[in-house]
Structures are given as structure tokens and as C-alpha cells.
């Protein structure tokens, strides 16, 4: 079961006091199918990329953590198996060309 996490929303709703306190990294480390998302960006301040950048910095996420989160989003998506395979291949191709 995917867990759709909206870090900036969690911050604004006082689920955490600061992004560095967020449990996202622990969820990833435990192998849960967690994804980074946005929740009403105009209200909570941040689209998906902003949420990724915020937690990547605040939680000192590794490249492997970020790749896992990106892959998780496609594992959780409502797409066909063929589409999922294509998207995951694109992620892998990008990772191979990025330091």
C-alpha cells in the first residue's frame, strides 16, 4: 500500500515542527512504498519538485533515496504494467547519466 507523503503540508499543519524532523527517511529506510507529493500547493506552499528539494536538503537524502522515491511513484501509479516498465526504465536511464 503506497503512502503518499506531502512534507510541506505536514509542516504547515504542524505534523512536524521542521522538515528535518519528518519521518520520510525512516519510512524509506524501512522499505515502505512511500512517495513524495504536494497537497494544495497554493495553500501549503510547494509543488512536488519543491517538496522533493525541501526533504532532500532537510533530511540529507542520498541519491539512492531519491531514486527510490522516484521509482516508488511509478510503482504506486495507476498505470499499465507496460507503462510502469517504461517509466522505470526512464528513471534508470536518467540515473545512469547523472552523477
C-alpha atoms as a PDB file:
ATOM      1  CA  UNK A   1       0.000   0.000   0.000  1.00  0.00           C
ATOM      2  CA  UNK A   2       1.565   3.299  -1.069  1.00  0.00           C
ATOM      3  CA  UNK A   3       1.993   6.095   1.446  1.00  0.00           C
ATOM      4  CA  UNK A   4       1.578   9.480  -0.221  1.00  0.00           C
ATOM      5  CA  UNK A   5       3.574  11.911   1.883  1.00  0.00           C
ATOM      6  CA  UNK A   6       3.174  15.669   1.497  1.00  0.00           C
ATOM      7  CA  UNK A   7       6.069  17.138   3.505  1.00  0.00           C
ATOM      8  CA  UNK A   8       5.254  20.838   3.098  1.00  0.00           C
ATOM      9  CA  UNK A   9       1.638  20.177   4.011  1.00  0.00           C
ATOM     10  CA  UNK A  10       2.820  18.224   7.071  1.00  0.00           C
ATOM     11  CA  UNK A  11       4.943  21.205   8.052  1.00  0.00           C
ATOM     12  CA  UNK A  12       2.148  23.743   7.602  1.00  0.00           C
ATOM     13  CA  UNK A  13      -0.306  21.561   9.538  1.00  0.00           C
ATOM     14  CA  UNK A  14       2.234  21.225  12.377  1.00  0.00           C
ATOM     15  CA  UNK A  15       2.585  17.460  11.971  1.00  0.00           C
ATOM     16  CA  UNK A  16       6.312  18.235  12.249  1.00  0.00           C
ATOM     17  CA  UNK A  17       7.981  21.360  13.610  1.00  0.00           C
ATOM     18  CA  UNK A  18      10.573  21.447  10.830  1.00  0.00           C
ATOM     19  CA  UNK A  19      11.276  19.373   7.723  1.00  0.00           C
ATOM     20  CA  UNK A  20      14.357  17.904   9.381  1.00  0.00           C
ATOM     21  CA  UNK A  21      12.022  16.170  11.858  1.00  0.00           C
ATOM     22  CA  UNK A  22       9.973  14.458   9.146  1.00  0.00           C
ATOM     23  CA  UNK A  23       9.878  10.650   9.242  1.00  0.00           C
ATOM     24  CA  UNK A  24      10.140  10.244   5.453  1.00  0.00           C
ATOM     25  CA  UNK A  25      13.732   8.958   5.576  1.00  0.00           C
ATOM     26  CA  UNK A  26      12.824   6.351   8.196  1.00  0.00           C
ATOM     27  CA  UNK A  27       9.903   5.195   6.065  1.00  0.00           C
ATOM     28  CA  UNK A  28      12.216   4.792   3.068  1.00  0.00           C
ATOM     29  CA  UNK A  29      14.832   3.016   5.198  1.00  0.00           C
ATOM     30  CA  UNK A  30      12.177   0.551   6.368  1.00  0.00           C
ATOM     31  CA  UNK A  31      11.341  -0.287   2.759  1.00  0.00           C
ATOM     32  CA  UNK A  32       7.838   1.173   2.749  1.00  0.00           C
ATOM     33  CA  UNK A  33       6.306   2.239  -0.553  1.00  0.00           C
ATOM     34  CA  UNK A  34       6.405   5.954   0.207  1.00  0.00           C
ATOM     35  CA  UNK A  35       6.054   8.737  -2.365  1.00  0.00           C
ATOM     36  CA  UNK A  36       6.641  12.483  -2.200  1.00  0.00           C
ATOM     37  CA  UNK A  37       3.643  14.567  -3.192  1.00  0.00           C
ATOM     38  CA  UNK A  38       2.141  18.015  -2.856  1.00  0.00           C
ATOM     39  CA  UNK A  39      -1.158  18.884  -1.250  1.00  0.00           C
ATOM     40  CA  UNK A  40      -2.854  22.052  -2.448  1.00  0.00           C
ATOM     41  CA  UNK A  41       0.407  23.804  -3.437  1.00  0.00           C
ATOM     42  CA  UNK A  42      -1.127  27.281  -3.467  1.00  0.00           C
ATOM     43  CA  UNK A  43      -2.162  26.898   0.156  1.00  0.00           C
ATOM     44  CA  UNK A  44       0.673  24.781   1.571  1.00  0.00           C
ATOM     45  CA  UNK A  45       3.452  26.347  -0.490  1.00  0.00           C
ATOM     46  CA  UNK A  46       5.088  23.948  -2.847  1.00  0.00           C
ATOM     47  CA  UNK A  47       4.620  21.718  -5.829  1.00  0.00           C
ATOM     48  CA  UNK A  48       6.087  18.207  -5.994  1.00  0.00           C
ATOM     49  CA  UNK A  49       9.559  19.372  -7.036  1.00  0.00           C
ATOM     50  CA  UNK A  50       9.613  21.837  -4.132  1.00  0.00           C
ATOM     51  CA  UNK A  51       8.693  19.047  -1.716  1.00  0.00           C
ATOM     52  CA  UNK A  52      11.457  16.818  -3.147  1.00  0.00           C
ATOM     53  CA  UNK A  53      14.052  19.577  -2.853  1.00  0.00           C
ATOM     54  CA  UNK A  54      12.918  20.501   0.645  1.00  0.00           C
ATOM     55  CA  UNK A  55      13.156  16.995   2.094  1.00  0.00           C
ATOM     56  CA  UNK A  56      16.283  16.137   0.104  1.00  0.00           C
ATOM     57  CA  UNK A  57      18.059  19.009   1.817  1.00  0.00           C
ATOM     58  CA  UNK A  58      16.438  18.822   5.248  1.00  0.00           C
ATOM     59  CA  UNK A  59      16.810  15.039   5.582  1.00  0.00           C
ATOM     60  CA  UNK A  60      20.101  14.796   3.689  1.00  0.00           C
ATOM     61  CA  UNK A  61      18.615  12.205   1.358  1.00  0.00           C
ATOM     62  CA  UNK A  62      21.106  10.280  -0.730  1.00  0.00           C
ATOM     63  CA  UNK A  63      20.901   9.837  -4.478  1.00  0.00           C
ATOM     64  CA  UNK A  64      19.723   6.269  -3.807  1.00  0.00           C
ATOM     65  CA  UNK A  65      16.956   7.577  -1.530  1.00  0.00           C
ATOM     66  CA  UNK A  66      15.780   9.981  -4.219  1.00  0.00           C
ATOM     67  CA  UNK A  67      15.881   7.277  -6.878  1.00  0.00           C
ATOM     68  CA  UNK A  68      13.829   5.007  -4.623  1.00  0.00           C
ATOM     69  CA  UNK A  69      11.262   7.744  -4.088  1.00  0.00           C
ATOM     70  CA  UNK A  70      11.029   8.379  -7.831  1.00  0.00           C
ATOM     71  CA  UNK A  71      10.672   4.665  -8.553  1.00  0.00           C
ATOM     72  CA  UNK A  72       8.069   4.316  -5.822  1.00  0.00           C
ATOM     73  CA  UNK A  73       5.910   6.916  -7.531  1.00  0.00           C
ATOM     74  CA  UNK A  74       5.663   4.683 -10.594  1.00  0.00           C
ATOM     75  CA  UNK A  75       5.123   1.525  -8.555  1.00  0.00           C
ATOM     76  CA  UNK A  76       2.212   3.303  -6.864  1.00  0.00           C
ATOM     77  CA  UNK A  77       0.770   4.859 -10.029  1.00  0.00           C
ATOM     78  CA  UNK A  78      -2.418   3.675 -11.685  1.00  0.00           C
ATOM     79  CA  UNK A  79      -0.772   2.749 -14.979  1.00  0.00           C
ATOM     80  CA  UNK A  80      -0.448  -0.419 -17.005  1.00  0.00           C
ATOM     81  CA  UNK A  81       2.442  -2.782 -16.390  1.00  0.00           C
ATOM     82  CA  UNK A  82       3.943  -1.758 -19.731  1.00  0.00           C
ATOM     83  CA  UNK A  83       3.708   1.936 -18.888  1.00  0.00           C
ATOM     84  CA  UNK A  84       5.225   1.294 -15.456  1.00  0.00           C
ATOM     85  CA  UNK A  85       8.145  -0.552 -17.055  1.00  0.00           C
ATOM     86  CA  UNK A  86       8.702   2.320 -19.499  1.00  0.00           C
ATOM     87  CA  UNK A  87       8.676   4.935 -16.748  1.00  0.00           C
ATOM     88  CA  UNK A  88      11.014   2.910 -14.542  1.00  0.00           C
ATOM     89  CA  UNK A  89      13.368   2.444 -17.495  1.00  0.00           C
ATOM     90  CA  UNK A  90      13.387   6.223 -17.993  1.00  0.00           C
ATOM     91  CA  UNK A  91      14.281   6.739 -14.338  1.00  0.00           C
ATOM     92  CA  UNK A  92      17.084   4.186 -14.632  1.00  0.00           C
ATOM     93  CA  UNK A  93      18.414   5.767 -17.838  1.00  0.00           C
ATOM     94  CA  UNK A  94      18.426   9.181 -16.186  1.00  0.00           C
ATOM     95  CA  UNK A  95      20.214   7.839 -13.106  1.00  0.00           C
ATOM     96  CA  UNK A  96      22.897   6.212 -15.262  1.00  0.00           C
ATOM     97  CA  UNK A  97      23.689   9.550 -16.953  1.00  0.00           C
ATOM     98  CA  UNK A  98      23.586  11.699 -13.811  1.00  0.00           C
ATOM     99  CA  UNK A  99      26.469  11.934 -11.340  1.00  0.00           C
END
